[in-house]
């Protein structure tokens, strides 16, 4: 079964949520960005902020042996 490309902000948002559930942060962010571009009032804006926060997080103690 071939995945259909989303066409509306709601579809992009839903696809972004599906990616986020699988911890596919880059794909989720891309979908949320498309959703916001189509509808600036979409809840995807908040989801995008959350995904970007996850992507930029790091635990400093992991880098200090």
PDB file of N, CA and C in Angstrom:
ATOM      1  N   UNK A   1       0.844  -1.184   0.000  1.00  0.00           N
ATOM      2  CA  UNK A   1       0.000   0.000   0.000  1.00  0.00           C
ATOM      3  C   UNK A   1       0.884   1.240   0.000  1.00  0.00           C
ATOM      4  N   UNK A   2       0.664   2.117  -0.937  1.00  0.00           N
ATOM      5  CA  UNK A   2       1.460   3.330  -1.076  1.00  0.00           C
ATOM      6  C   UNK A   2       0.857   4.455  -0.246  1.00  0.00           C
ATOM      7  N   UNK A   3       1.726   5.175   0.469  1.00  0.00           N
ATOM      8  CA  UNK A   3       1.264   6.279   1.310  1.00  0.00           C
ATOM      9  C   UNK A   3       0.909   7.476   0.437  1.00  0.00           C
ATOM     10  N   UNK A   4      -0.262   8.052   0.680  1.00  0.00           N
ATOM     11  CA  UNK A   4      -0.732   9.196  -0.087  1.00  0.00           C
ATOM     12  C   UNK A   4      -0.162  10.465   0.520  1.00  0.00           C
ATOM     13  N   UNK A   5       0.303  11.357  -0.328  1.00  0.00           N
ATOM     14  CA  UNK A   5       0.866  12.623   0.146  1.00  0.00           C
ATOM     15  C   UNK A   5      -0.252  13.534   0.656  1.00  0.00           C
ATOM     16  N   UNK A   6      -0.072  14.123   1.836  1.00  0.00           N
ATOM     17  CA  UNK A   6      -1.109  15.009   2.384  1.00  0.00           C
ATOM     18  C   UNK A   6      -1.291  16.262   1.529  1.00  0.00           C
ATOM     19  N   UNK A   7      -2.487  16.790   1.562  1.00  0.00           N
ATOM     20  CA  UNK A   7      -2.796  17.984   0.782  1.00  0.00           C
ATOM     21  C   UNK A   7      -3.259  19.153   1.638  1.00  0.00           C
ATOM     22  N   UNK A   8      -3.763  18.860   2.837  1.00  0.00           N
ATOM     23  CA  UNK A   8      -4.290  19.933   3.682  1.00  0.00           C
ATOM     24  C   UNK A   8      -3.447  20.053   4.956  1.00  0.00           C
ATOM     25  N   UNK A   9      -3.622  21.167   5.638  1.00  0.00           N
ATOM     26  CA  UNK A   9      -2.903  21.393   6.893  1.00  0.00           C
ATOM     27  C   UNK A   9      -3.240  20.317   7.916  1.00  0.00           C
ATOM     28  N   UNK A  10      -4.496  19.913   7.968  1.00  0.00           N
ATOM     29  CA  UNK A  10      -4.916  18.884   8.920  1.00  0.00           C
ATOM     30  C   UNK A  10      -4.227  17.558   8.601  1.00  0.00           C
ATOM     31  N   UNK A  11      -4.146  17.213   7.332  1.00  0.00           N
ATOM     32  CA  UNK A  11      -3.490  15.960   6.939  1.00  0.00           C
ATOM     33  C   UNK A  11      -2.004  15.995   7.266  1.00  0.00           C
ATOM     34  N   UNK A  12      -1.345  17.135   7.009  1.00  0.00           N
ATOM     35  CA  UNK A  12       0.071  17.257   7.353  1.00  0.00           C
ATOM     36  C   UNK A  12       0.258  17.148   8.864  1.00  0.00           C
ATOM     37  N   UNK A  13      -0.628  17.777   9.621  1.00  0.00           N
ATOM     38  CA  UNK A  13      -0.550  17.720  11.075  1.00  0.00           C
ATOM     39  C   UNK A  13      -0.700  16.281  11.566  1.00  0.00           C
ATOM     40  N   UNK A  14      -1.680  15.570  11.048  1.00  0.00           N
ATOM     41  CA  UNK A  14      -1.903  14.184  11.450  1.00  0.00           C
ATOM     42  C   UNK A  14      -0.721  13.294  11.069  1.00  0.00           C
ATOM     43  N   UNK A  15      -0.159  13.519   9.901  1.00  0.00           N
ATOM     44  CA  UNK A  15       1.001  12.732   9.491  1.00  0.00           C
ATOM     45  C   UNK A  15       2.193  13.060  10.395  1.00  0.00           C
ATOM     46  N   UNK A  16       2.343  14.330  10.766  1.00  0.00           N
ATOM     47  CA  UNK A  16       3.406  14.727  11.684  1.00  0.00           C
ATOM     48  C   UNK A  16       3.258  14.044  13.036  1.00  0.00           C
ATOM     49  N   UNK A  17       2.031  13.947  13.523  1.00  0.00           N
ATOM     50  CA  UNK A  17       1.787  13.253  14.791  1.00  0.00           C
ATOM     51  C   UNK A  17       2.170  11.776  14.691  1.00  0.00           C
ATOM     52  N   UNK A  18       1.871  11.162  13.561  1.00  0.00           N
ATOM     53  CA  UNK A  18       2.219   9.750  13.365  1.00  0.00           C
ATOM     54  C   UNK A  18       3.746   9.574  13.388  1.00  0.00           C
ATOM     55  N   UNK A  19       4.462  10.477  12.749  1.00  0.00           N
ATOM     56  CA  UNK A  19       5.932  10.419  12.767  1.00  0.00           C
ATOM     57  C   UNK A  19       6.456  10.633  14.185  1.00  0.00           C
ATOM     58  N   UNK A  20       5.860  11.570  14.905  1.00  0.00           N
ATOM     59  CA  UNK A  20       6.318  11.854  16.270  1.00  0.00           C
ATOM     60  C   UNK A  20       6.112  10.638  17.175  1.00  0.00           C
ATOM     61  N   UNK A  21       5.010   9.924  17.001  1.00  0.00           N
ATOM     62  CA  UNK A  21       4.768   8.721  17.806  1.00  0.00           C
ATOM     63  C   UNK A  21       5.850   7.666  17.586  1.00  0.00           C
ATOM     64  N   UNK A  22       6.447   7.674  16.384  1.00  0.00           N
ATOM     65  CA  UNK A  22       7.517   6.720  16.068  1.00  0.00           C
ATOM     66  C   UNK A  22       8.908   7.325  16.310  1.00  0.00           C
ATOM     67  N   UNK A  23       8.949   8.487  16.948  1.00  0.00           N
ATOM     68  CA  UNK A  23      10.203   9.210  17.236  1.00  0.00           C
ATOM     69  C   UNK A  23      10.971   9.561  15.974  1.00  0.00           C
ATOM     70  N   UNK A  24      10.264   9.823  14.907  1.00  0.00           N
ATOM     71  CA  UNK A  24      10.869  10.261  13.648  1.00  0.00           C
ATOM     72  C   UNK A  24      10.785  11.791  13.611  1.00  0.00           C
ATOM     73  N   UNK A  25      11.680  12.408  14.385  1.00  0.00           N
ATOM     74  CA  UNK A  25      11.568  13.843  14.655  1.00  0.00           C
ATOM     75  C   UNK A  25      11.749  14.709  13.420  1.00  0.00           C
ATOM     76  N   UNK A  26      12.674  14.367  12.553  1.00  0.00           N
ATOM     77  CA  UNK A  26      12.886  15.167  11.344  1.00  0.00           C
ATOM     78  C   UNK A  26      11.670  15.169  10.438  1.00  0.00           C
ATOM     79  N   UNK A  27      11.103  13.984  10.218  1.00  0.00           N
ATOM     80  CA  UNK A  27       9.916  13.876   9.380  1.00  0.00           C
ATOM     81  C   UNK A  27       8.724  14.584  10.017  1.00  0.00           C
ATOM     82  N   UNK A  28       8.609  14.456  11.340  1.00  0.00           N
ATOM     83  CA  UNK A  28       7.516  15.133  12.049  1.00  0.00           C
ATOM     84  C   UNK A  28       7.639  16.645  11.886  1.00  0.00           C
ATOM     85  N   UNK A  29       8.842  17.164  12.067  1.00  0.00           N
ATOM     86  CA  UNK A  29       9.052  18.613  11.936  1.00  0.00           C
ATOM     87  C   UNK A  29       8.701  19.086  10.533  1.00  0.00           C
ATOM     88  N   UNK A  30       9.082  18.326   9.524  1.00  0.00           N
ATOM     89  CA  UNK A  30       8.780  18.700   8.143  1.00  0.00           C
ATOM     90  C   UNK A  30       7.272  18.774   7.920  1.00  0.00           C
ATOM     91  N   UNK A  31       6.555  17.776   8.401  1.00  0.00           N
ATOM     92  CA  UNK A  31       5.096  17.777   8.249  1.00  0.00           C
ATOM     93  C   UNK A  31       4.469  18.952   8.987  1.00  0.00           C
ATOM     94  N   UNK A  32       4.928  19.210  10.204  1.00  0.00           N
ATOM     95  CA  UNK A  32       4.377  20.325  10.968  1.00  0.00           C
ATOM     96  C   UNK A  32       4.666  21.663  10.277  1.00  0.00           C
ATOM     97  N   UNK A  33       5.844  21.797   9.684  1.00  0.00           N
ATOM     98  CA  UNK A  33       6.177  23.039   8.961  1.00  0.00           C
ATOM     99  C   UNK A  33       5.243  23.237   7.775  1.00  0.00           C
ATOM    100  N   UNK A  34       4.963  22.162   7.047  1.00  0.00           N
ATOM    101  CA  UNK A  34       4.026  22.256   5.920  1.00  0.00           C
ATOM    102  C   UNK A  34       2.636  22.648   6.408  1.00  0.00           C
ATOM    103  N   UNK A  35       2.205  22.061   7.515  1.00  0.00           N
ATOM    104  CA  UNK A  35       0.884  22.377   8.057  1.00  0.00           C
ATOM    105  C   UNK A  35       0.788  23.847   8.445  1.00  0.00           C
ATOM    106  N   UNK A  36       1.828  24.360   9.085  1.00  0.00           N
ATOM    107  CA  UNK A  36       1.833  25.775   9.501  1.00  0.00           C
ATOM    108  C   UNK A  36       1.871  26.690   8.281  1.00  0.00           C
ATOM    109  N   UNK A  37       2.591  26.284   7.242  1.00  0.00           N
ATOM    110  CA  UNK A  37       2.637  27.097   6.023  1.00  0.00           C
ATOM    111  C   UNK A  37       1.247  27.196   5.379  1.00  0.00           C
ATOM    112  N   UNK A  38       0.483  26.119   5.444  1.00  0.00           N
ATOM    113  CA  UNK A  38      -0.854  26.124   4.870  1.00  0.00           C
ATOM    114  C   UNK A  38      -1.876  26.800   5.783  1.00  0.00           C
ATOM    115  N   UNK A  39      -1.681  26.672   7.099  1.00  0.00           N
ATOM    116  CA  UNK A  39      -2.608  27.261   8.080  1.00  0.00           C
ATOM    117  C   UNK A  39      -1.820  27.746   9.293  1.00  0.00           C
ATOM    118  N   UNK A  40      -1.500  29.033   9.339  1.00  0.00           N
ATOM    119  CA  UNK A  40      -0.707  29.572  10.457  1.00  0.00           C
ATOM    120  C   UNK A  40      -1.353  29.379  11.826  1.00  0.00           C
ATOM    121  N   UNK A  41      -2.653  29.144  11.892  1.00  0.00           N
ATOM    122  CA  UNK A  41      -3.343  28.931  13.162  1.00  0.00           C
ATOM    123  C   UNK A  41      -3.451  27.461  13.534  1.00  0.00           C
ATOM    124  N   UNK A  42      -2.808  26.612  12.779  1.00  0.00           N
ATOM    125  CA  UNK A  42      -2.855  25.167  13.023  1.00  0.00           C
ATOM    126  C   UNK A  42      -2.185  24.812  14.353  1.00  0.00           C
ATOM    127  N   UNK A  43      -2.668  23.781  15.029  1.00  0.00           N
ATOM    128  CA  UNK A  43      -1.997  23.317  16.250  1.00  0.00           C
ATOM    129  C   UNK A  43      -0.612  22.750  15.956  1.00  0.00           C
ATOM    130  N   UNK A  44      -0.298  22.601  14.694  1.00  0.00           N
ATOM    131  CA  UNK A  44       1.022  22.106  14.304  1.00  0.00           C
ATOM    132  C   UNK A  44       2.124  23.065  14.740  1.00  0.00           C
ATOM    133  N   UNK A  45       1.802  24.327  14.933  1.00  0.00           N
ATOM    134  CA  UNK A  45       2.797  25.297  15.389  1.00  0.00           C
ATOM    135  C   UNK A  45       3.365  24.928  16.745  1.00  0.00           C
ATOM    136  N   UNK A  46       2.491  24.575  17.661  1.00  0.00           N
ATOM    137  CA  UNK A  46       2.936  24.159  18.999  1.00  0.00           C
ATOM    138  C   UNK A  46       3.680  22.835  18.929  1.00  0.00           C
ATOM    139  N   UNK A  47       3.194  21.929  18.106  1.00  0.00           N
ATOM    140  CA  UNK A  47       3.861  20.633  17.953  1.00  0.00           C
ATOM    141  C   UNK A  47       5.253  20.809  17.362  1.00  0.00           C
ATOM    142  N   UNK A  48       5.384  21.736  16.422  1.00  0.00           N
ATOM    143  CA  UNK A  48       6.686  22.012  15.817  1.00  0.00           C
ATOM    144  C   UNK A  48       7.666  22.527  16.873  1.00  0.00           C
ATOM    145  N   UNK A  49       7.209  23.427  17.736  1.00  0.00           N
ATOM    146  CA  UNK A  49       8.077  23.934  18.806  1.00  0.00           C
ATOM    147  C   UNK A  49       8.543  22.797  19.707  1.00  0.00           C
ATOM    148  N   UNK A  50       7.635  21.884  20.018  1.00  0.00           N
ATOM    149  CA  UNK A  50       7.969  20.758  20.885  1.00  0.00           C
ATOM    150  C   UNK A  50       9.004  19.847  20.207  1.00  0.00           C
ATOM    151  N   UNK A  51       8.810  19.549  18.937  1.00  0.00           N
ATOM    152  CA  UNK A  51       9.742  18.685  18.212  1.00  0.00           C
ATOM    153  C   UNK A  51      11.115  19.352  18.105  1.00  0.00           C
ATOM    154  N   UNK A  52      11.136  20.651  17.827  1.00  0.00           N
ATOM    155  CA  UNK A  52      12.418  21.360  17.747  1.00  0.00           C
ATOM    156  C   UNK A  52      13.122  21.348  19.090  1.00  0.00           C
ATOM    157  N   UNK A  53      12.372  21.448  20.171  1.00  0.00           N
ATOM    158  CA  UNK A  53      12.953  21.374  21.505  1.00  0.00           C
ATOM    159  C   UNK A  53      13.570  19.998  21.747  1.00  0.00           C
ATOM    160  N   UNK A  54      12.892  18.966  21.319  1.00  0.00           N
ATOM    161  CA  UNK A  54      13.418  17.602  21.466  1.00  0.00           C
ATOM    162  C   UNK A  54      14.687  17.444  20.639  1.00  0.00           C
ATOM    163  N   UNK A  55      14.697  17.982  19.431  1.00  0.00           N
ATOM    164  CA  UNK A  55      15.857  17.849  18.550  1.00  0.00           C
ATOM    165  C   UNK A  55      17.080  18.587  19.074  1.00  0.00           C
ATOM    166  N   UNK A  56      16.880  19.670  19.793  1.00  0.00           N
ATOM    167  CA  UNK A  56      18.029  20.458  20.261  1.00  0.00           C
ATOM    168  C   UNK A  56      18.471  20.093  21.673  1.00  0.00           C
ATOM    169  N   UNK A  57      17.713  19.208  22.335  1.00  0.00           N
ATOM    170  CA  UNK A  57      18.059  18.816  23.695  1.00  0.00           C
ATOM    171  C   UNK A  57      19.287  17.915  23.712  1.00  0.00           C
ATOM    172  N   UNK A  58      20.127  18.118  24.698  1.00  0.00           N
ATOM    173  CA  UNK A  58      21.218  17.174  24.949  1.00  0.00           C
ATOM    174  C   UNK A  58      21.507  17.159  26.435  1.00  0.00           C
ATOM    175  N   UNK A  59      22.011  16.056  26.891  1.00  0.00           N
ATOM    176  CA  UNK A  59      22.301  15.865  28.303  1.00  0.00           C
ATOM    177  C   UNK A  59      23.790  16.079  28.489  1.00  0.00           C
ATOM    178  N   UNK A  60      24.186  17.181  29.111  1.00  0.00           N
ATOM    179  CA  UNK A  60      25.595  17.556  29.220  1.00  0.00           C
ATOM    180  C   UNK A  60      26.458  16.499  29.879  1.00  0.00           C
ATOM    181  N   UNK A  61      25.921  15.784  30.861  1.00  0.00           N
ATOM    182  CA  UNK A  61      26.722  14.771  31.556  1.00  0.00           C
ATOM    183  C   UNK A  61      27.153  13.629  30.634  1.00  0.00           C
ATOM    184  N   UNK A  62      26.448  13.414  29.556  1.00  0.00           N
ATOM    185  CA  UNK A  62      26.841  12.362  28.611  1.00  0.00           C
ATOM    186  C   UNK A  62      28.143  12.718  27.893  1.00  0.00           C
ATOM    187  N   UNK A  63      28.501  13.991  27.864  1.00  0.00           N
ATOM    188  CA  UNK A  63      29.701  14.427  27.149  1.00  0.00           C
ATOM    189  C   UNK A  63      30.910  14.591  28.067  1.00  0.00           C
ATOM    190  N   UNK A  64      30.748  14.353  29.370  1.00  0.00           N
ATOM    191  CA  UNK A  64      31.829  14.475  30.314  1.00  0.00           C
ATOM    192  C   UNK A  64      32.164  13.103  30.893  1.00  0.00           C
ATOM    193  N   UNK A  65      33.287  12.532  30.451  1.00  0.00           N
ATOM    194  CA  UNK A  65      33.629  11.186  30.947  1.00  0.00           C
ATOM    195  C   UNK A  65      33.986  11.179  32.427  1.00  0.00           C
TER     196      UNK A  65
END
